[in-house]
Each structure stands twice: as C-alpha cells, then as structure tokens.
Amino acid sequence: MSKYYEFLGIIPGTFAENEVPAVIKKITDFFVSQNGEITYQDNFGRKKMAYPIKHLRHGYYFLLELILPPDKLKSIEEKLKIDENLLRFIIIKTKPKTREEREKEKNRMQAAPEKNKKDRDNKDEVNKNIVNSDKSLNKISLDELDKKLDEILSDEKI
C-alpha cells in the first residue's frame, strides 16, 4: 500500500532561472519511475538560505506532494543523496491535503514575512534605545579596567 509524502528540495543557486524547471522535471520523472505519483507541485523560487551550504548562499526551493510505496523510499533517498542537482532535500510522511488546506497554508506563509518585518522593526527601535542609553554611561579608562581585572583575578574566591 502506498503512502503520502512531502518532498522539499533545494536546487543550487548557481543554476540559471530557466534551467530550474528542467531539474525539477528530472526529479519528478525519477519519482514516477519509482512507481510514485505526483499529486501537487509548487516552486517557491530563489531564496536566501539561513546559512551557506557548500559555499552557496542562495537556492531554488520546490515542494512535491507524492504517493510512494514505502519499500522504495530508502532506495529513492540513497539515489537523491548523490544527485548533484540537489543541495538538500527532505521527505516527510504526511496525510493527503485538500485544495482548501493548501490555500490556507499558502496564505499563512505569505502573511509570515509581514509579521517578521514588524518584529524586526520593533527590535530595531529597542536596539536604538539601548545604544542611546549606553552613550550616557560613564566611560572607564583602560588603566582602571586593568586594575579592576587584576583585583578580581588575584582573589582566591573565583
């Protein structure tokens, strides 16, 4: 019996925008050749990654919802690991989603960047206030700082 899975993949940002659909097609064809069925596909486009992977800072993200036989999953993952067209991927077992659930999730994801922008703006304001209050503190000379450090380090109660 086949099960439902989500596949999220990242294609290296070194690919040109017009080459990405061919890479995605190659991966979807691979799933179909392994007795899989693609039920949904979404391309998120080029995004900046949270941290560099293989010295790359950008990648093309895409999502596939698919139906696969569970006994093929291990061999599929092994073959995808050696595919040079994928920086990273993850396959998660999931339940089938309706069109309404997908739309709701997509709307939630689109609203998230706006909320994050508001949070960042608030943090920037707080940081400005902290910097301004720090300027009003008394400055200590390096000699005074060295003396204080010597006192602390010479104490036997460290």
N, C-alpha and C. Protein backbone atom coordinates (compact mmCIF):
# COMPACT_ATOMS: atom_id res chain seq x y z
N MET A 1 0.83 -1.18 0.00
CA MET A 1 0.00 0.00 0.00
C MET A 1 0.88 1.25 0.00
N SER A 2 0.56 2.19 -0.86
CA SER A 2 1.33 3.42 -0.98
C SER A 2 0.95 4.41 0.11
N LYS A 3 1.89 5.30 0.43
CA LYS A 3 1.66 6.30 1.46
C LYS A 3 1.92 7.69 0.88
N TYR A 4 1.42 8.70 1.59
CA TYR A 4 1.56 10.08 1.16
C TYR A 4 2.84 10.67 1.76
N TYR A 5 3.57 11.43 0.93
CA TYR A 5 4.81 12.06 1.38
C TYR A 5 4.90 13.48 0.83
N GLU A 6 5.66 14.31 1.52
CA GLU A 6 6.04 15.62 1.03
C GLU A 6 7.54 15.60 0.80
N PHE A 7 7.95 16.14 -0.32
CA PHE A 7 9.36 16.25 -0.67
C PHE A 7 9.67 17.72 -0.83
N LEU A 8 10.63 18.23 -0.05
CA LEU A 8 11.09 19.61 -0.20
C LEU A 8 12.54 19.55 -0.64
N GLY A 9 12.84 20.19 -1.76
CA GLY A 9 14.20 20.15 -2.28
C GLY A 9 14.75 21.54 -2.51
N ILE A 10 16.08 21.63 -2.46
CA ILE A 10 16.78 22.88 -2.74
C ILE A 10 17.76 22.63 -3.87
N ILE A 11 17.59 23.36 -4.96
CA ILE A 11 18.49 23.29 -6.11
C ILE A 11 19.52 24.41 -5.95
N PRO A 12 20.80 24.17 -6.26
CA PRO A 12 21.82 25.21 -6.08
C PRO A 12 21.47 26.51 -6.80
N GLY A 13 21.79 27.62 -6.18
CA GLY A 13 21.53 28.93 -6.75
C GLY A 13 22.40 29.25 -7.95
N THR A 14 23.36 28.40 -8.27
CA THR A 14 24.22 28.63 -9.42
C THR A 14 23.52 28.33 -10.74
N PHE A 15 22.38 27.63 -10.67
CA PHE A 15 21.62 27.36 -11.88
C PHE A 15 20.94 28.63 -12.34
N ALA A 16 20.78 28.77 -13.66
CA ALA A 16 20.03 29.89 -14.21
C ALA A 16 18.54 29.64 -13.99
N GLU A 17 17.78 30.71 -13.94
CA GLU A 17 16.33 30.62 -13.69
C GLU A 17 15.64 29.69 -14.70
N ASN A 18 16.09 29.71 -15.94
CA ASN A 18 15.44 28.89 -16.97
C ASN A 18 15.88 27.42 -16.93
N GLU A 19 16.91 27.08 -16.17
CA GLU A 19 17.36 25.69 -16.05
C GLU A 19 16.64 24.93 -14.93
N VAL A 20 16.06 25.66 -13.99
CA VAL A 20 15.44 25.04 -12.81
C VAL A 20 14.27 24.13 -13.17
N PRO A 21 13.34 24.54 -14.06
CA PRO A 21 12.23 23.63 -14.38
C PRO A 21 12.69 22.28 -14.95
N ALA A 22 13.77 22.27 -15.70
CA ALA A 22 14.29 21.01 -16.24
C ALA A 22 14.80 20.10 -15.13
N VAL A 23 15.45 20.69 -14.12
CA VAL A 23 15.95 19.91 -12.99
C VAL A 23 14.78 19.33 -12.19
N ILE A 24 13.76 20.16 -11.96
CA ILE A 24 12.58 19.70 -11.23
C ILE A 24 11.89 18.59 -12.01
N LYS A 25 11.79 18.73 -13.33
CA LYS A 25 11.17 17.71 -14.18
C LYS A 25 11.94 16.40 -14.08
N LYS A 26 13.27 16.49 -14.05
CA LYS A 26 14.10 15.28 -13.93
C LYS A 26 13.80 14.55 -12.61
N ILE A 27 13.65 15.32 -11.53
CA ILE A 27 13.38 14.73 -10.22
C ILE A 27 11.97 14.14 -10.17
N THR A 28 10.99 14.85 -10.72
CA THR A 28 9.62 14.31 -10.74
C THR A 28 9.55 13.05 -11.59
N ASP A 29 10.25 13.04 -12.72
CA ASP A 29 10.29 11.83 -13.56
C ASP A 29 10.91 10.65 -12.81
N PHE A 30 11.91 10.96 -11.99
CA PHE A 30 12.55 9.91 -11.19
C PHE A 30 11.54 9.30 -10.22
N PHE A 31 10.76 10.15 -9.54
CA PHE A 31 9.74 9.64 -8.62
C PHE A 31 8.71 8.78 -9.36
N VAL A 32 8.30 9.23 -10.53
CA VAL A 32 7.31 8.47 -11.32
C VAL A 32 7.90 7.13 -11.74
N SER A 33 9.18 7.12 -12.08
CA SER A 33 9.83 5.86 -12.49
C SER A 33 9.93 4.86 -11.33
N GLN A 34 9.82 5.36 -10.09
CA GLN A 34 9.86 4.50 -8.91
C GLN A 34 8.45 4.16 -8.42
N ASN A 35 7.49 4.16 -9.34
CA ASN A 35 6.08 3.86 -9.05
C ASN A 35 5.44 4.92 -8.15
N GLY A 36 5.91 6.14 -8.25
CA GLY A 36 5.34 7.23 -7.47
C GLY A 36 4.35 8.03 -8.30
N GLU A 37 3.55 8.80 -7.62
CA GLU A 37 2.57 9.65 -8.29
C GLU A 37 2.65 11.04 -7.67
N ILE A 38 2.87 12.07 -8.49
CA ILE A 38 2.95 13.44 -8.02
C ILE A 38 1.52 13.98 -7.93
N THR A 39 1.10 14.40 -6.74
CA THR A 39 -0.25 14.93 -6.56
C THR A 39 -0.28 16.46 -6.52
N TYR A 40 0.85 17.09 -6.21
CA TYR A 40 0.91 18.54 -6.12
C TYR A 40 2.36 18.97 -6.28
N GLN A 41 2.54 20.11 -6.93
CA GLN A 41 3.89 20.64 -7.12
C GLN A 41 3.86 22.14 -6.96
N ASP A 42 4.84 22.71 -6.25
CA ASP A 42 4.93 24.15 -6.06
C ASP A 42 6.39 24.56 -6.09
N ASN A 43 6.66 25.63 -6.80
CA ASN A 43 8.02 26.16 -6.90
C ASN A 43 8.07 27.47 -6.15
N PHE A 44 8.91 27.56 -5.11
CA PHE A 44 9.00 28.77 -4.29
C PHE A 44 10.00 29.78 -4.84
N GLY A 45 10.78 29.40 -5.83
CA GLY A 45 11.73 30.31 -6.44
C GLY A 45 13.05 30.39 -5.68
N ARG A 46 13.83 31.38 -6.06
CA ARG A 46 15.17 31.57 -5.47
C ARG A 46 15.02 32.28 -4.13
N LYS A 47 15.63 31.69 -3.10
CA LYS A 47 15.58 32.25 -1.75
C LYS A 47 16.98 32.24 -1.15
N LYS A 48 17.21 33.16 -0.22
CA LYS A 48 18.46 33.17 0.53
C LYS A 48 18.34 32.14 1.64
N MET A 49 19.36 31.32 1.78
CA MET A 49 19.35 30.28 2.82
C MET A 49 19.82 30.87 4.15
N ALA A 50 19.46 30.24 5.22
CA ALA A 50 19.81 30.71 6.56
C ALA A 50 21.31 30.65 6.79
N TYR A 51 21.98 29.68 6.17
CA TYR A 51 23.42 29.54 6.30
C TYR A 51 23.95 28.94 5.00
N PRO A 52 25.23 29.17 4.70
CA PRO A 52 25.77 28.64 3.43
C PRO A 52 25.83 27.11 3.44
N ILE A 53 25.51 26.53 2.31
CA ILE A 53 25.63 25.09 2.10
C ILE A 53 26.54 24.91 0.89
N LYS A 54 27.64 24.21 1.08
CA LYS A 54 28.62 24.02 0.01
C LYS A 54 29.05 25.37 -0.60
N HIS A 55 29.26 26.34 0.26
CA HIS A 55 29.71 27.69 -0.09
C HIS A 55 28.69 28.46 -0.94
N LEU A 56 27.43 28.07 -0.92
CA LEU A 56 26.38 28.77 -1.65
C LEU A 56 25.40 29.39 -0.66
N ARG A 57 24.94 30.60 -0.96
CA ARG A 57 24.03 31.30 -0.06
C ARG A 57 22.59 31.33 -0.57
N HIS A 58 22.36 30.98 -1.84
CA HIS A 58 21.02 31.00 -2.42
C HIS A 58 20.68 29.65 -3.03
N GLY A 59 19.39 29.36 -3.07
CA GLY A 59 18.93 28.13 -3.69
C GLY A 59 17.50 28.27 -4.15
N TYR A 60 17.10 27.39 -5.05
CA TYR A 60 15.72 27.36 -5.56
C TYR A 60 14.97 26.28 -4.78
N TYR A 61 13.93 26.68 -4.08
CA TYR A 61 13.16 25.76 -3.26
C TYR A 61 11.94 25.27 -4.04
N PHE A 62 11.63 23.98 -3.92
CA PHE A 62 10.41 23.46 -4.53
C PHE A 62 9.85 22.34 -3.67
N LEU A 63 8.52 22.18 -3.77
CA LEU A 63 7.79 21.22 -2.94
C LEU A 63 7.02 20.27 -3.85
N LEU A 64 7.06 18.99 -3.50
CA LEU A 64 6.26 17.98 -4.19
C LEU A 64 5.47 17.21 -3.16
N GLU A 65 4.20 17.01 -3.43
CA GLU A 65 3.41 16.08 -2.63
C GLU A 65 3.24 14.86 -3.51
N LEU A 66 3.53 13.69 -2.94
CA LEU A 66 3.52 12.50 -3.77
C LEU A 66 3.04 11.28 -3.02
N ILE A 67 2.71 10.27 -3.79
CA ILE A 67 2.31 8.98 -3.26
C ILE A 67 3.38 7.99 -3.69
N LEU A 68 3.96 7.30 -2.70
CA LEU A 68 5.05 6.35 -2.97
C LEU A 68 4.83 5.05 -2.21
N PRO A 69 5.33 3.95 -2.77
CA PRO A 69 5.35 2.72 -1.98
C PRO A 69 6.45 2.84 -0.92
N PRO A 70 6.17 2.54 0.34
CA PRO A 70 7.16 2.73 1.41
C PRO A 70 8.42 1.90 1.23
N ASP A 71 8.34 0.76 0.56
CA ASP A 71 9.52 -0.08 0.39
C ASP A 71 10.53 0.54 -0.58
N LYS A 72 10.11 1.51 -1.39
CA LYS A 72 11.02 2.17 -2.34
C LYS A 72 11.69 3.40 -1.73
N LEU A 73 11.21 3.84 -0.59
CA LEU A 73 11.68 5.10 -0.01
C LEU A 73 13.18 5.12 0.25
N LYS A 74 13.71 4.07 0.83
CA LYS A 74 15.14 4.03 1.17
C LYS A 74 16.01 4.13 -0.09
N SER A 75 15.65 3.39 -1.13
CA SER A 75 16.45 3.43 -2.36
C SER A 75 16.33 4.79 -3.05
N ILE A 76 15.14 5.41 -2.96
CA ILE A 76 14.96 6.74 -3.54
C ILE A 76 15.85 7.75 -2.82
N GLU A 77 15.86 7.72 -1.49
CA GLU A 77 16.70 8.65 -0.72
C GLU A 77 18.17 8.45 -1.04
N GLU A 78 18.63 7.21 -1.18
CA GLU A 78 20.03 6.95 -1.49
C GLU A 78 20.41 7.52 -2.85
N LYS A 79 19.52 7.39 -3.83
CA LYS A 79 19.82 7.93 -5.17
C LYS A 79 19.77 9.45 -5.19
N LEU A 80 18.87 10.05 -4.41
CA LEU A 80 18.79 11.50 -4.37
C LEU A 80 19.99 12.12 -3.65
N LYS A 81 20.55 11.40 -2.68
CA LYS A 81 21.72 11.91 -1.94
C LYS A 81 22.91 12.15 -2.86
N ILE A 82 23.04 11.35 -3.91
CA ILE A 82 24.20 11.50 -4.80
C ILE A 82 23.89 12.38 -6.03
N ASP A 83 22.68 12.90 -6.10
CA ASP A 83 22.31 13.78 -7.20
C ASP A 83 22.95 15.15 -6.97
N GLU A 84 23.76 15.59 -7.91
CA GLU A 84 24.47 16.87 -7.76
C GLU A 84 23.56 18.07 -7.98
N ASN A 85 22.36 17.83 -8.51
CA ASN A 85 21.42 18.92 -8.76
C ASN A 85 20.63 19.30 -7.51
N LEU A 86 20.82 18.58 -6.43
CA LEU A 86 20.12 18.87 -5.17
C LEU A 86 21.13 19.22 -4.09
N LEU A 87 20.96 20.39 -3.48
CA LEU A 87 21.81 20.74 -2.32
C LEU A 87 21.35 19.99 -1.10
N ARG A 88 20.04 20.06 -0.82
CA ARG A 88 19.44 19.39 0.31
C ARG A 88 18.03 18.97 -0.08
N PHE A 89 17.53 17.97 0.63
CA PHE A 89 16.14 17.57 0.46
C PHE A 89 15.67 16.89 1.73
N ILE A 90 14.36 16.84 1.87
CA ILE A 90 13.76 16.12 2.99
C ILE A 90 12.47 15.49 2.48
N ILE A 91 12.22 14.27 2.92
CA ILE A 91 10.98 13.58 2.58
C ILE A 91 10.27 13.26 3.90
N ILE A 92 9.03 13.73 4.03
CA ILE A 92 8.29 13.52 5.26
C ILE A 92 6.98 12.81 4.93
N LYS A 93 6.63 11.86 5.79
CA LYS A 93 5.34 11.19 5.66
C LYS A 93 4.26 12.16 6.12
N THR A 94 3.17 12.25 5.37
CA THR A 94 2.12 13.21 5.68
C THR A 94 0.76 12.64 5.32
N LYS A 95 -0.26 13.41 5.60
CA LYS A 95 -1.61 13.00 5.20
C LYS A 95 -1.98 13.77 3.93
N PRO A 96 -2.90 13.25 3.13
CA PRO A 96 -3.30 13.98 1.92
C PRO A 96 -3.95 15.31 2.29
N LYS A 97 -3.67 16.35 1.48
CA LYS A 97 -4.22 17.67 1.75
C LYS A 97 -5.25 18.04 0.69
N THR A 98 -6.28 18.74 1.14
CA THR A 98 -7.28 19.23 0.21
C THR A 98 -6.80 20.56 -0.36
N ARG A 99 -7.49 21.00 -1.39
CA ARG A 99 -7.13 22.27 -2.02
C ARG A 99 -7.27 23.42 -1.02
N GLU A 100 -8.31 23.37 -0.18
CA GLU A 100 -8.54 24.44 0.80
C GLU A 100 -7.41 24.49 1.82
N GLU A 101 -6.93 23.32 2.26
CA GLU A 101 -5.83 23.27 3.22
C GLU A 101 -4.56 23.87 2.62
N ARG A 102 -4.31 23.56 1.34
CA ARG A 102 -3.13 24.13 0.68
C ARG A 102 -3.22 25.64 0.58
N GLU A 103 -4.41 26.16 0.20
CA GLU A 103 -4.59 27.60 0.10
C GLU A 103 -4.42 28.28 1.45
N LYS A 104 -4.97 27.67 2.48
CA LYS A 104 -4.86 28.23 3.84
C LYS A 104 -3.39 28.29 4.26
N GLU A 105 -2.65 27.21 3.98
CA GLU A 105 -1.23 27.16 4.33
C GLU A 105 -0.43 28.19 3.54
N LYS A 106 -0.76 28.33 2.26
CA LYS A 106 -0.05 29.30 1.41
C LYS A 106 -0.30 30.72 1.91
N ASN A 107 -1.55 31.03 2.27
CA ASN A 107 -1.87 32.36 2.80
C ASN A 107 -1.14 32.63 4.11
N ARG A 108 -1.06 31.61 4.96
CA ARG A 108 -0.34 31.75 6.23
C ARG A 108 1.13 32.03 6.00
N MET A 109 1.72 31.33 5.02
CA MET A 109 3.14 31.52 4.72
C MET A 109 3.40 32.90 4.13
N GLN A 110 2.47 33.42 3.34
CA GLN A 110 2.64 34.75 2.77
C GLN A 110 2.50 35.83 3.82
N ALA A 111 1.69 35.59 4.84
CA ALA A 111 1.50 36.56 5.91
C ALA A 111 2.69 36.57 6.87
N ALA A 112 3.42 35.48 6.94
CA ALA A 112 4.54 35.37 7.88
C ALA A 112 5.62 36.43 7.65
N PRO A 113 6.05 36.70 6.40
CA PRO A 113 7.09 37.72 6.22
C PRO A 113 6.66 39.10 6.71
N GLU A 114 5.37 39.45 6.57
CA GLU A 114 4.90 40.75 7.04
C GLU A 114 5.02 40.84 8.56
N LYS A 115 4.65 39.76 9.25
CA LYS A 115 4.74 39.72 10.71
C LYS A 115 6.20 39.82 11.14
N ASN A 116 7.08 39.09 10.43
CA ASN A 116 8.51 39.12 10.76
C ASN A 116 9.08 40.51 10.56
N LYS A 117 8.62 41.23 9.52
CA LYS A 117 9.10 42.58 9.27
C LYS A 117 8.71 43.50 10.43
N LYS A 118 7.47 43.37 10.92
CA LYS A 118 7.04 44.19 12.06
C LYS A 118 7.89 43.89 13.29
N ASP A 119 8.17 42.60 13.52
CA ASP A 119 9.00 42.21 14.66
C ASP A 119 10.40 42.80 14.54
N ARG A 120 10.97 42.75 13.32
CA ARG A 120 12.31 43.30 13.11
C ARG A 120 12.32 44.81 13.35
N ASP A 121 11.27 45.50 12.89
CA ASP A 121 11.19 46.94 13.10
C ASP A 121 11.14 47.27 14.59
N ASN A 122 10.37 46.49 15.35
CA ASN A 122 10.29 46.71 16.80
C ASN A 122 11.64 46.46 17.46
N LYS A 123 12.35 45.41 17.04
CA LYS A 123 13.67 45.11 17.61
C LYS A 123 14.65 46.24 17.29
N ASP A 124 14.58 46.78 16.07
CA ASP A 124 15.46 47.87 15.69
C ASP A 124 15.24 49.09 16.58
N GLU A 125 13.99 49.38 16.88
CA GLU A 125 13.66 50.51 17.74
C GLU A 125 14.21 50.30 19.15
N VAL A 126 14.05 49.09 19.68
CA VAL A 126 14.57 48.77 21.01
C VAL A 126 16.09 48.89 21.01
N ASN A 127 16.74 48.37 19.97
CA ASN A 127 18.21 48.45 19.89
C ASN A 127 18.69 49.89 19.83
N LYS A 128 17.98 50.76 19.13
CA LYS A 128 18.36 52.18 19.08
C LYS A 128 18.28 52.79 20.47
N ASN A 129 17.22 52.45 21.21
CA ASN A 129 17.08 52.98 22.56
C ASN A 129 18.20 52.49 23.47
N ILE A 130 18.60 51.23 23.31
CA ILE A 130 19.69 50.68 24.13
C ILE A 130 20.99 51.40 23.81
N VAL A 131 21.28 51.60 22.52
CA VAL A 131 22.52 52.27 22.12
C VAL A 131 22.55 53.69 22.66
N ASN A 132 21.42 54.38 22.57
CA ASN A 132 21.37 55.76 23.08
C ASN A 132 21.56 55.80 24.59
N SER A 133 21.01 54.84 25.31
CA SER A 133 21.19 54.84 26.76
C SER A 133 22.62 54.47 27.14
N ASP A 134 23.28 53.63 26.33
CA ASP A 134 24.67 53.25 26.60
C ASP A 134 25.61 54.45 26.48
N LYS A 135 25.28 55.39 25.62
CA LYS A 135 26.15 56.55 25.42
C LYS A 135 26.19 57.42 26.67
N SER A 136 25.15 57.35 27.47
CA SER A 136 25.10 58.19 28.66
C SER A 136 25.90 57.59 29.83
N LEU A 137 26.35 56.35 29.72
CA LEU A 137 27.13 55.73 30.80
C LEU A 137 28.51 56.34 30.87
N ASN A 138 29.11 56.28 32.07
CA ASN A 138 30.46 56.80 32.25
C ASN A 138 31.47 55.88 31.59
N LYS A 139 32.45 56.48 30.96
CA LYS A 139 33.49 55.69 30.32
C LYS A 139 34.60 55.42 31.33
N ILE A 140 35.18 54.21 31.23
CA ILE A 140 36.25 53.80 32.13
C ILE A 140 37.53 53.72 31.32
N SER A 141 38.63 54.22 31.91
CA SER A 141 39.90 54.16 31.18
C SER A 141 40.44 52.72 31.22
N LEU A 142 41.33 52.43 30.31
CA LEU A 142 41.91 51.08 30.23
C LEU A 142 42.73 50.76 31.48
N ASP A 143 43.39 51.75 32.04
CA ASP A 143 44.18 51.52 33.26
C ASP A 143 43.28 51.10 34.42
N GLU A 144 42.14 51.78 34.56
CA GLU A 144 41.21 51.43 35.63
C GLU A 144 40.65 50.02 35.41
N LEU A 145 40.39 49.70 34.17
CA LEU A 145 39.86 48.38 33.84
C LEU A 145 40.90 47.30 34.16
N ASP A 146 42.16 47.55 33.82
CA ASP A 146 43.22 46.58 34.13
C ASP A 146 43.36 46.37 35.64
N LYS A 147 43.30 47.44 36.41
CA LYS A 147 43.41 47.32 37.87
C LYS A 147 42.26 46.48 38.42
N LYS A 148 41.06 46.74 37.93
CA LYS A 148 39.89 46.01 38.41
C LYS A 148 40.00 44.52 38.05
N LEU A 149 40.47 44.22 36.84
CA LEU A 149 40.67 42.82 36.44
C LEU A 149 41.72 42.14 37.30
N ASP A 150 42.81 42.85 37.60
CA ASP A 150 43.85 42.28 38.46
C ASP A 150 43.29 41.96 39.84
N GLU A 151 42.45 42.84 40.39
CA GLU A 151 41.83 42.61 41.70
C GLU A 151 40.96 41.35 41.65
N ILE A 152 40.18 41.24 40.63
CA ILE A 152 39.26 40.09 40.51
C ILE A 152 40.05 38.80 40.35
N LEU A 153 41.07 38.80 39.51
CA LEU A 153 41.82 37.59 39.24
C LEU A 153 42.73 37.22 40.40
N SER A 154 43.15 38.19 41.21
CA SER A 154 44.01 37.89 42.34
C SER A 154 43.21 37.31 43.52
N ASP A 155 41.91 37.55 43.55
CA ASP A 155 41.06 36.96 44.58
C ASP A 155 41.11 35.45 44.51
N GLU A 156 41.12 34.81 45.65
CA GLU A 156 41.13 33.36 45.67
C GLU A 156 39.72 32.80 45.59
N LYS A 157 38.72 33.62 45.59
CA LYS A 157 37.33 33.17 45.55
C LYS A 157 36.77 33.31 44.12
N ILE A 158 37.38 32.68 43.20
CA ILE A 158 36.91 32.76 41.81
C ILE A 158 35.92 31.67 41.54
